[in-house]
Amino acid sequence: MNNLGKVKLLPAREQVASILRKAILSRELTEGQEITLEGIASQVGVSATPVREAFQILSGDGLIKLRPNKGAVVLGVNEKTIRDHYETRAVLEGEAAARASRPGVDLTEVEHAFSIAEMALENNDSKEYSKHNQAFHMEIWTAADNEKMKSLLSSMWNGLSMGHKVTEEDYAKISIFEHRQILDAVKANDGELARKRMQDHIIRSMNNILTRFEEK
């Protein structure tokens, strides 16, 4: 595993924003719930600075309302909030996959990210798979060679979108299968197929999250 190189992950502020965004979209953090810099920093194991920056990101998304006493209040989400988020991600990520499919694009890091994710599953480590899932998406954004697109996608990342009807292990198996299909299309320089497979991947994630929303 060590010979494969280091996994590239999002900066700390996006990592924290991702954790909180996922919790809000899945309604683990509920409308009206108060969160604090110190509390979140302690829970996720980071300093207050990336949490403060994450709060700013989520405030811009309309998911929380900032308070002057270093805290925030979770705002309500509904089905439209969730659909808007994932449908926007699907458009951007689909385009990134299509751009990564252009002839001559270096896919070394995309294939590397896929390989270490596959290895995590072979080792029955579905929890470790989560960060490799992130790395696979990030390397496609990088291969797309559009910094604005990459920045937008980084600010929207929300991690594995698990619903009530699937275990973490089964989710990881579905995800890696879809990643393989996306990678095959990208390597074949089939931009339209890569776009469709990536968009289908994101919309399937949306539908998973909606099962949590509907059952709460």
C-alpha atoms as a PDB file:
ATOM      1  CA  MET A   1       0.000   0.000   0.000  1.00  0.00           C
ATOM      2  CA  ASN A   2       2.793   2.442   0.860  1.00  0.00           C
ATOM      3  CA  ASN A   3       4.323   2.066  -2.591  1.00  0.00           C
ATOM      4  CA  LEU A   4       1.206   3.431  -4.221  1.00  0.00           C
ATOM      5  CA  GLY A   5       1.797   6.946  -2.912  1.00  0.00           C
ATOM      6  CA  LYS A   6      -0.170   9.342  -0.729  1.00  0.00           C
ATOM      7  CA  VAL A   7      -3.891   9.891  -1.121  1.00  0.00           C
ATOM      8  CA  LYS A   8      -4.778  13.480  -2.017  1.00  0.00           C
ATOM      9  CA  LEU A   9      -7.687  14.861  -0.036  1.00  0.00           C
ATOM     10  CA  LEU A  10      -9.584  18.119   0.182  1.00  0.00           C
ATOM     11  CA  PRO A  11      -8.286  20.958   2.415  1.00  0.00           C
ATOM     12  CA  ALA A  12      -9.449  20.841   6.039  1.00  0.00           C
ATOM     13  CA  ARG A  13     -12.164  23.487   5.584  1.00  0.00           C
ATOM     14  CA  GLU A  14     -13.810  21.491   2.771  1.00  0.00           C
ATOM     15  CA  GLN A  15     -13.420  18.282   4.763  1.00  0.00           C
ATOM     16  CA  VAL A  16     -15.295  19.827   7.690  1.00  0.00           C
ATOM     17  CA  ALA A  17     -17.889  21.411   5.386  1.00  0.00           C
ATOM     18  CA  SER A  18     -18.376  17.997   3.779  1.00  0.00           C
ATOM     19  CA  ILE A  19     -19.017  16.291   7.122  1.00  0.00           C
ATOM     20  CA  LEU A  20     -21.509  18.953   8.185  1.00  0.00           C
ATOM     21  CA  ARG A  21     -23.199  19.165   4.775  1.00  0.00           C
ATOM     22  CA  LYS A  22     -23.744  15.414   4.738  1.00  0.00           C
ATOM     23  CA  ALA A  23     -25.186  15.542   8.278  1.00  0.00           C
ATOM     24  CA  ILE A  24     -27.544  18.385   7.343  1.00  0.00           C
ATOM     25  CA  LEU A  25     -28.693  16.860   4.045  1.00  0.00           C
ATOM     26  CA  SER A  26     -29.357  13.515   5.748  1.00  0.00           C
ATOM     27  CA  ARG A  27     -31.049  15.352   8.650  1.00  0.00           C
ATOM     28  CA  GLU A  28     -28.694  13.998  11.283  1.00  0.00           C
ATOM     29  CA  LEU A  29     -28.343  17.677  12.167  1.00  0.00           C
ATOM     30  CA  THR A  30     -31.872  19.017  12.354  1.00  0.00           C
ATOM     31  CA  GLU A  31     -33.484  22.395  11.750  1.00  0.00           C
ATOM     32  CA  GLY A  32     -32.934  24.786  14.652  1.00  0.00           C
ATOM     33  CA  GLN A  33     -30.047  22.791  16.137  1.00  0.00           C
ATOM     34  CA  GLU A  34     -27.179  24.949  17.382  1.00  0.00           C
ATOM     35  CA  ILE A  35     -23.585  24.091  16.527  1.00  0.00           C
ATOM     36  CA  THR A  36     -20.444  25.767  17.844  1.00  0.00           C
ATOM     37  CA  LEU A  37     -16.896  26.177  16.580  1.00  0.00           C
ATOM     38  CA  GLU A  38     -15.473  24.466  19.651  1.00  0.00           C
ATOM     39  CA  GLY A  39     -17.984  21.633  19.608  1.00  0.00           C
ATOM     40  CA  ILE A  40     -17.498  20.757  15.949  1.00  0.00           C
ATOM     41  CA  ALA A  41     -13.708  21.181  16.173  1.00  0.00           C
ATOM     42  CA  SER A  42     -13.635  18.721  19.065  1.00  0.00           C
ATOM     43  CA  GLN A  43     -15.877  16.209  17.308  1.00  0.00           C
ATOM     44  CA  VAL A  44     -13.945  16.131  14.029  1.00  0.00           C
ATOM     45  CA  GLY A  45     -10.476  16.591  15.525  1.00  0.00           C
ATOM     46  CA  VAL A  46      -9.370  19.876  13.964  1.00  0.00           C
ATOM     47  CA  SER A  47      -8.662  23.419  15.146  1.00  0.00           C
ATOM     48  CA  ALA A  48     -11.313  26.130  15.167  1.00  0.00           C
ATOM     49  CA  THR A  49      -9.969  27.812  12.012  1.00  0.00           C
ATOM     50  CA  PRO A  50     -11.126  25.254   9.395  1.00  0.00           C
ATOM     51  CA  VAL A  51     -14.449  24.950  11.240  1.00  0.00           C
ATOM     52  CA  ARG A  52     -14.924  28.723  11.032  1.00  0.00           C
ATOM     53  CA  GLU A  53     -14.133  28.578   7.303  1.00  0.00           C
ATOM     54  CA  ALA A  54     -16.516  25.628   6.863  1.00  0.00           C
ATOM     55  CA  PHE A  55     -19.268  27.594   8.598  1.00  0.00           C
ATOM     56  CA  GLN A  56     -18.750  30.387   6.054  1.00  0.00           C
ATOM     57  CA  ILE A  57     -19.092  27.893   3.179  1.00  0.00           C
ATOM     58  CA  LEU A  58     -22.278  26.382   4.597  1.00  0.00           C
ATOM     59  CA  SER A  59     -23.709  29.813   5.334  1.00  0.00           C
ATOM     60  CA  GLY A  60     -23.195  30.709   1.678  1.00  0.00           C
ATOM     61  CA  ASP A  61     -25.052  27.509   0.758  1.00  0.00           C
ATOM     62  CA  GLY A  62     -27.987  28.548   2.939  1.00  0.00           C
ATOM     63  CA  LEU A  63     -27.599  25.482   5.167  1.00  0.00           C
ATOM     64  CA  ILE A  64     -26.750  27.333   8.391  1.00  0.00           C
ATOM     65  CA  LYS A  65     -27.209  30.819   9.845  1.00  0.00           C
ATOM     66  CA  LEU A  66     -24.142  32.293  11.502  1.00  0.00           C
ATOM     67  CA  ARG A  67     -24.360  33.747  14.998  1.00  0.00           C
ATOM     68  CA  PRO A  68     -22.048  36.436  16.401  1.00  0.00           C
ATOM     69  CA  ASN A  69     -21.116  34.260  19.401  1.00  0.00           C
ATOM     70  CA  LYS A  70     -18.964  31.930  17.265  1.00  0.00           C
ATOM     71  CA  GLY A  71     -21.809  29.501  16.604  1.00  0.00           C
ATOM     72  CA  ALA A  72     -24.480  28.805  14.032  1.00  0.00           C
ATOM     73  CA  VAL A  73     -27.995  27.459  13.712  1.00  0.00           C
ATOM     74  CA  VAL A  74     -28.899  24.694  11.257  1.00  0.00           C
ATOM     75  CA  LEU A  75     -31.511  25.786   8.723  1.00  0.00           C
ATOM     76  CA  GLY A  76     -34.147  23.445   7.412  1.00  0.00           C
ATOM     77  CA  VAL A  77     -33.696  21.367   4.279  1.00  0.00           C
ATOM     78  CA  ASN A  78     -36.400  19.893   2.115  1.00  0.00           C
ATOM     79  CA  GLU A  79     -36.511  17.643  -0.918  1.00  0.00           C
ATOM     80  CA  LYS A  80     -35.886  20.600  -3.236  1.00  0.00           C
ATOM     81  CA  THR A  81     -32.760  21.601  -1.281  1.00  0.00           C
ATOM     82  CA  ILE A  82     -31.394  18.093  -1.717  1.00  0.00           C
ATOM     83  CA  ARG A  83     -32.337  17.832  -5.386  1.00  0.00           C
ATOM     84  CA  ASP A  84     -30.859  21.249  -6.169  1.00  0.00           C
ATOM     85  CA  HIS A  85     -27.569  20.253  -4.549  1.00  0.00           C
ATOM     86  CA  TYR A  86     -27.172  16.899  -6.285  1.00  0.00           C
ATOM     87  CA  GLU A  87     -28.494  17.997  -9.672  1.00  0.00           C
ATOM     88  CA  THR A  88     -25.939  20.827  -9.705  1.00  0.00           C
ATOM     89  CA  ARG A  89     -23.194  18.404  -8.700  1.00  0.00           C
ATOM     90  CA  ALA A  90     -24.305  16.014 -11.453  1.00  0.00           C
ATOM     91  CA  VAL A  91     -23.998  18.718 -14.123  1.00  0.00           C
ATOM     92  CA  LEU A  92     -20.554  19.840 -12.938  1.00  0.00           C
ATOM     93  CA  GLU A  93     -19.155  16.362 -12.258  1.00  0.00           C
ATOM     94  CA  GLY A  94     -20.528  15.063 -15.550  1.00  0.00           C
ATOM     95  CA  GLU A  95     -18.743  17.852 -17.405  1.00  0.00           C
ATOM     96  CA  ALA A  96     -15.544  17.181 -15.449  1.00  0.00           C
ATOM     97  CA  ALA A  97     -15.674  13.508 -16.471  1.00  0.00           C
ATOM     98  CA  ALA A  98     -16.260  14.478 -20.100  1.00  0.00           C
ATOM     99  CA  ARG A  99     -13.301  16.886 -20.044  1.00  0.00           C
ATOM    100  CA  ALA A 100     -11.090  14.231 -18.412  1.00  0.00           C
ATOM    101  CA  SER A 101     -11.964  11.935 -21.341  1.00  0.00           C
ATOM    102  CA  ARG A 102     -10.224  14.094 -23.937  1.00  0.00           C
ATOM    103  CA  PRO A 103      -7.343  12.402 -25.778  1.00  0.00           C
ATOM    104  CA  GLY A 104      -3.960  13.130 -24.256  1.00  0.00           C
ATOM    105  CA  VAL A 105      -5.178  13.771 -20.705  1.00  0.00           C
ATOM    106  CA  ASP A 106      -2.918  12.181 -18.081  1.00  0.00           C
ATOM    107  CA  LEU A 107      -5.097   9.742 -16.126  1.00  0.00           C
ATOM    108  CA  THR A 108      -2.328   8.317 -13.941  1.00  0.00           C
ATOM    109  CA  GLU A 109      -3.667   9.814 -10.710  1.00  0.00           C
ATOM    110  CA  VAL A 110      -7.282   8.911 -11.525  1.00  0.00           C
ATOM    111  CA  GLU A 111      -6.275   5.275 -12.036  1.00  0.00           C
ATOM    112  CA  HIS A 112      -4.147   5.400  -8.880  1.00  0.00           C
ATOM    113  CA  ALA A 113      -7.081   6.664  -6.802  1.00  0.00           C
ATOM    114  CA  PHE A 114      -9.306   3.925  -8.209  1.00  0.00           C
ATOM    115  CA  SER A 115      -6.703   1.242  -7.495  1.00  0.00           C
ATOM    116  CA  ILE A 116      -6.250   2.128  -3.828  1.00  0.00           C
ATOM    117  CA  ALA A 117     -10.031   2.320  -3.366  1.00  0.00           C
ATOM    118  CA  GLU A 118     -10.325  -1.135  -4.903  1.00  0.00           C
ATOM    119  CA  MET A 119      -7.600  -2.379  -2.591  1.00  0.00           C
ATOM    120  CA  ALA A 120      -9.447  -1.003   0.440  1.00  0.00           C
ATOM    121  CA  LEU A 121     -12.490  -3.074  -0.493  1.00  0.00           C
ATOM    122  CA  GLU A 122     -10.381  -6.157  -1.147  1.00  0.00           C
ATOM    123  CA  ASN A 123      -9.140  -5.712   2.434  1.00  0.00           C
ATOM    124  CA  ASN A 124     -12.782  -5.507   3.608  1.00  0.00           C
ATOM    125  CA  ASP A 125     -12.181  -1.947   4.805  1.00  0.00           C
ATOM    126  CA  SER A 126     -15.325  -0.160   3.693  1.00  0.00           C
ATOM    127  CA  LYS A 127     -14.674   2.710   6.131  1.00  0.00           C
ATOM    128  CA  GLU A 128     -11.278   3.403   4.537  1.00  0.00           C
ATOM    129  CA  TYR A 129     -13.032   3.388   1.165  1.00  0.00           C
ATOM    130  CA  SER A 130     -14.681   6.721   1.944  1.00  0.00           C
ATOM    131  CA  LYS A 131     -11.517   8.812   1.596  1.00  0.00           C
ATOM    132  CA  HIS A 132     -10.460   6.933  -1.533  1.00  0.00           C
ATOM    133  CA  ASN A 133     -13.895   7.632  -3.000  1.00  0.00           C
ATOM    134  CA  GLN A 134     -13.184  11.313  -2.427  1.00  0.00           C
ATOM    135  CA  ALA A 135      -9.737  11.008  -4.023  1.00  0.00           C
ATOM    136  CA  PHE A 136     -11.179   9.401  -7.174  1.00  0.00           C
ATOM    137  CA  HIS A 137     -13.604  12.274  -7.697  1.00  0.00           C
ATOM    138  CA  MET A 138     -10.920  14.864  -6.940  1.00  0.00           C
ATOM    139  CA  GLU A 139      -8.503  13.413  -9.485  1.00  0.00           C
ATOM    140  CA  ILE A 140     -11.191  13.565 -12.173  1.00  0.00           C
ATOM    141  CA  TRP A 141     -11.782  17.230 -11.309  1.00  0.00           C
ATOM    142  CA  THR A 142      -8.029  17.803 -11.595  1.00  0.00           C
ATOM    143  CA  ALA A 143      -7.817  15.952 -14.924  1.00  0.00           C
ATOM    144  CA  ALA A 144     -10.653  18.157 -16.232  1.00  0.00           C
ATOM    145  CA  ASP A 145      -8.186  21.077 -15.988  1.00  0.00           C
ATOM    146  CA  ASN A 146     -10.681  23.763 -14.992  1.00  0.00           C
ATOM    147  CA  GLU A 147      -9.790  25.412 -11.693  1.00  0.00           C
ATOM    148  CA  LYS A 148     -13.135  27.177 -11.272  1.00  0.00           C
ATOM    149  CA  MET A 149     -15.013  23.906 -11.772  1.00  0.00           C
ATOM    150  CA  LYS A 150     -12.705  22.150  -9.330  1.00  0.00           C
ATOM    151  CA  SER A 151     -13.190  24.899  -6.742  1.00  0.00           C
ATOM    152  CA  LEU A 152     -16.980  24.739  -7.045  1.00  0.00           C
ATOM    153  CA  LEU A 153     -17.021  20.949  -6.761  1.00  0.00           C
ATOM    154  CA  SER A 154     -14.661  21.027  -3.766  1.00  0.00           C
ATOM    155  CA  SER A 155     -17.006  23.443  -2.006  1.00  0.00           C
ATOM    156  CA  MET A 156     -19.993  21.145  -2.701  1.00  0.00           C
ATOM    157  CA  TRP A 157     -18.486  17.811  -1.685  1.00  0.00           C
ATOM    158  CA  ASN A 158     -20.562  15.829   0.818  1.00  0.00           C
ATOM    159  CA  GLY A 159     -18.991  12.368   0.869  1.00  0.00           C
ATOM    160  CA  LEU A 160     -20.759   9.021   0.648  1.00  0.00           C
ATOM    161  CA  SER A 161     -24.503   9.543   0.304  1.00  0.00           C
ATOM    162  CA  MET A 162     -25.842   6.552   2.158  1.00  0.00           C
ATOM    163  CA  GLY A 163     -29.522   5.884   2.704  1.00  0.00           C
ATOM    164  CA  HIS A 164     -31.292   3.677   5.221  1.00  0.00           C
ATOM    165  CA  LYS A 165     -31.690   0.826   2.763  1.00  0.00           C
ATOM    166  CA  VAL A 166     -28.026  -0.049   2.212  1.00  0.00           C
ATOM    167  CA  THR A 167     -25.093  -0.983   4.461  1.00  0.00           C
ATOM    168  CA  GLU A 168     -21.754   0.815   4.266  1.00  0.00           C
ATOM    169  CA  GLU A 169     -20.137  -2.292   2.780  1.00  0.00           C
ATOM    170  CA  ASP A 170     -22.816  -2.713   0.105  1.00  0.00           C
ATOM    171  CA  TYR A 171     -22.708   1.003  -0.680  1.00  0.00           C
ATOM    172  CA  ALA A 172     -18.959   0.851  -1.226  1.00  0.00           C
ATOM    173  CA  LYS A 173     -19.376  -2.113  -3.595  1.00  0.00           C
ATOM    174  CA  ILE A 174     -21.988  -0.236  -5.642  1.00  0.00           C
ATOM    175  CA  SER A 175     -19.798   2.862  -5.689  1.00  0.00           C
ATOM    176  CA  ILE A 176     -16.628   1.072  -6.848  1.00  0.00           C
ATOM    177  CA  PHE A 177     -18.583  -0.671  -9.619  1.00  0.00           C
ATOM    178  CA  GLU A 178     -19.850   2.685 -10.865  1.00  0.00           C
ATOM    179  CA  HIS A 179     -16.372   4.188 -10.572  1.00  0.00           C
ATOM    180  CA  ARG A 180     -15.019   1.377 -12.767  1.00  0.00           C
ATOM    181  CA  GLN A 181     -17.664   2.145 -15.409  1.00  0.00           C
ATOM    182  CA  ILE A 182     -16.810   5.841 -15.303  1.00  0.00           C
ATOM    183  CA  LEU A 183     -13.083   5.141 -15.516  1.00  0.00           C
ATOM    184  CA  ASP A 184     -13.553   2.775 -18.464  1.00  0.00           C
ATOM    185  CA  ALA A 185     -15.459   5.478 -20.372  1.00  0.00           C
ATOM    186  CA  VAL A 186     -12.863   8.122 -19.536  1.00  0.00           C
ATOM    187  CA  LYS A 187      -9.985   5.877 -20.653  1.00  0.00           C
ATOM    188  CA  ALA A 188     -11.845   5.107 -23.885  1.00  0.00           C
ATOM    189  CA  ASN A 189     -12.036   8.879 -24.598  1.00  0.00           C
ATOM    190  CA  ASP A 190     -15.830   8.600 -24.715  1.00  0.00           C
ATOM    191  CA  GLY A 191     -16.803  11.934 -23.219  1.00  0.00           C
ATOM    192  CA  GLU A 192     -20.550  11.550 -23.632  1.00  0.00           C
ATOM    193  CA  LEU A 193     -20.612   8.135 -21.978  1.00  0.00           C
ATOM    194  CA  ALA A 194     -18.343   9.348 -19.172  1.00  0.00           C
ATOM    195  CA  ARG A 195     -20.666  12.317 -18.607  1.00  0.00           C
ATOM    196  CA  LYS A 196     -23.749  10.089 -18.480  1.00  0.00           C
ATOM    197  CA  ARG A 197     -22.179   7.521 -16.156  1.00  0.00           C
ATOM    198  CA  MET A 198     -20.950  10.213 -13.771  1.00  0.00           C
ATOM    199  CA  GLN A 199     -24.311  11.960 -13.751  1.00  0.00           C
ATOM    200  CA  ASP A 200     -26.085   8.649 -13.114  1.00  0.00           C
ATOM    201  CA  HIS A 201     -23.640   8.024 -10.247  1.00  0.00           C
ATOM    202  CA  ILE A 202     -24.460  11.359  -8.600  1.00  0.00           C
ATOM    203  CA  ILE A 203     -28.220  11.062  -9.108  1.00  0.00           C
ATOM    204  CA  ARG A 204     -28.151   7.572  -7.584  1.00  0.00           C
ATOM    205  CA  SER A 205     -26.426   9.151  -4.578  1.00  0.00           C
ATOM    206  CA  MET A 206     -29.186  11.744  -4.418  1.00  0.00           C
ATOM    207  CA  ASN A 207     -31.841   9.046  -4.391  1.00  0.00           C
ATOM    208  CA  ASN A 208     -30.006   7.303  -1.548  1.00  0.00           C
ATOM    209  CA  ILE A 209     -30.064  10.462   0.573  1.00  0.00           C
ATOM    210  CA  LEU A 210     -33.742  11.018  -0.238  1.00  0.00           C
ATOM    211  CA  THR A 211     -34.598   7.655   1.331  1.00  0.00           C
ATOM    212  CA  ARG A 212     -33.275   9.035   4.618  1.00  0.00           C
ATOM    213  CA  PHE A 213     -35.236  12.241   4.162  1.00  0.00           C
ATOM    214  CA  GLU A 214     -38.504  10.506   3.332  1.00  0.00           C
ATOM    215  CA  GLU A 215     -38.322   8.105   6.253  1.00  0.00           C
ATOM    216  CA  LYS A 216     -37.576  10.749   8.909  1.00  0.00           C
END
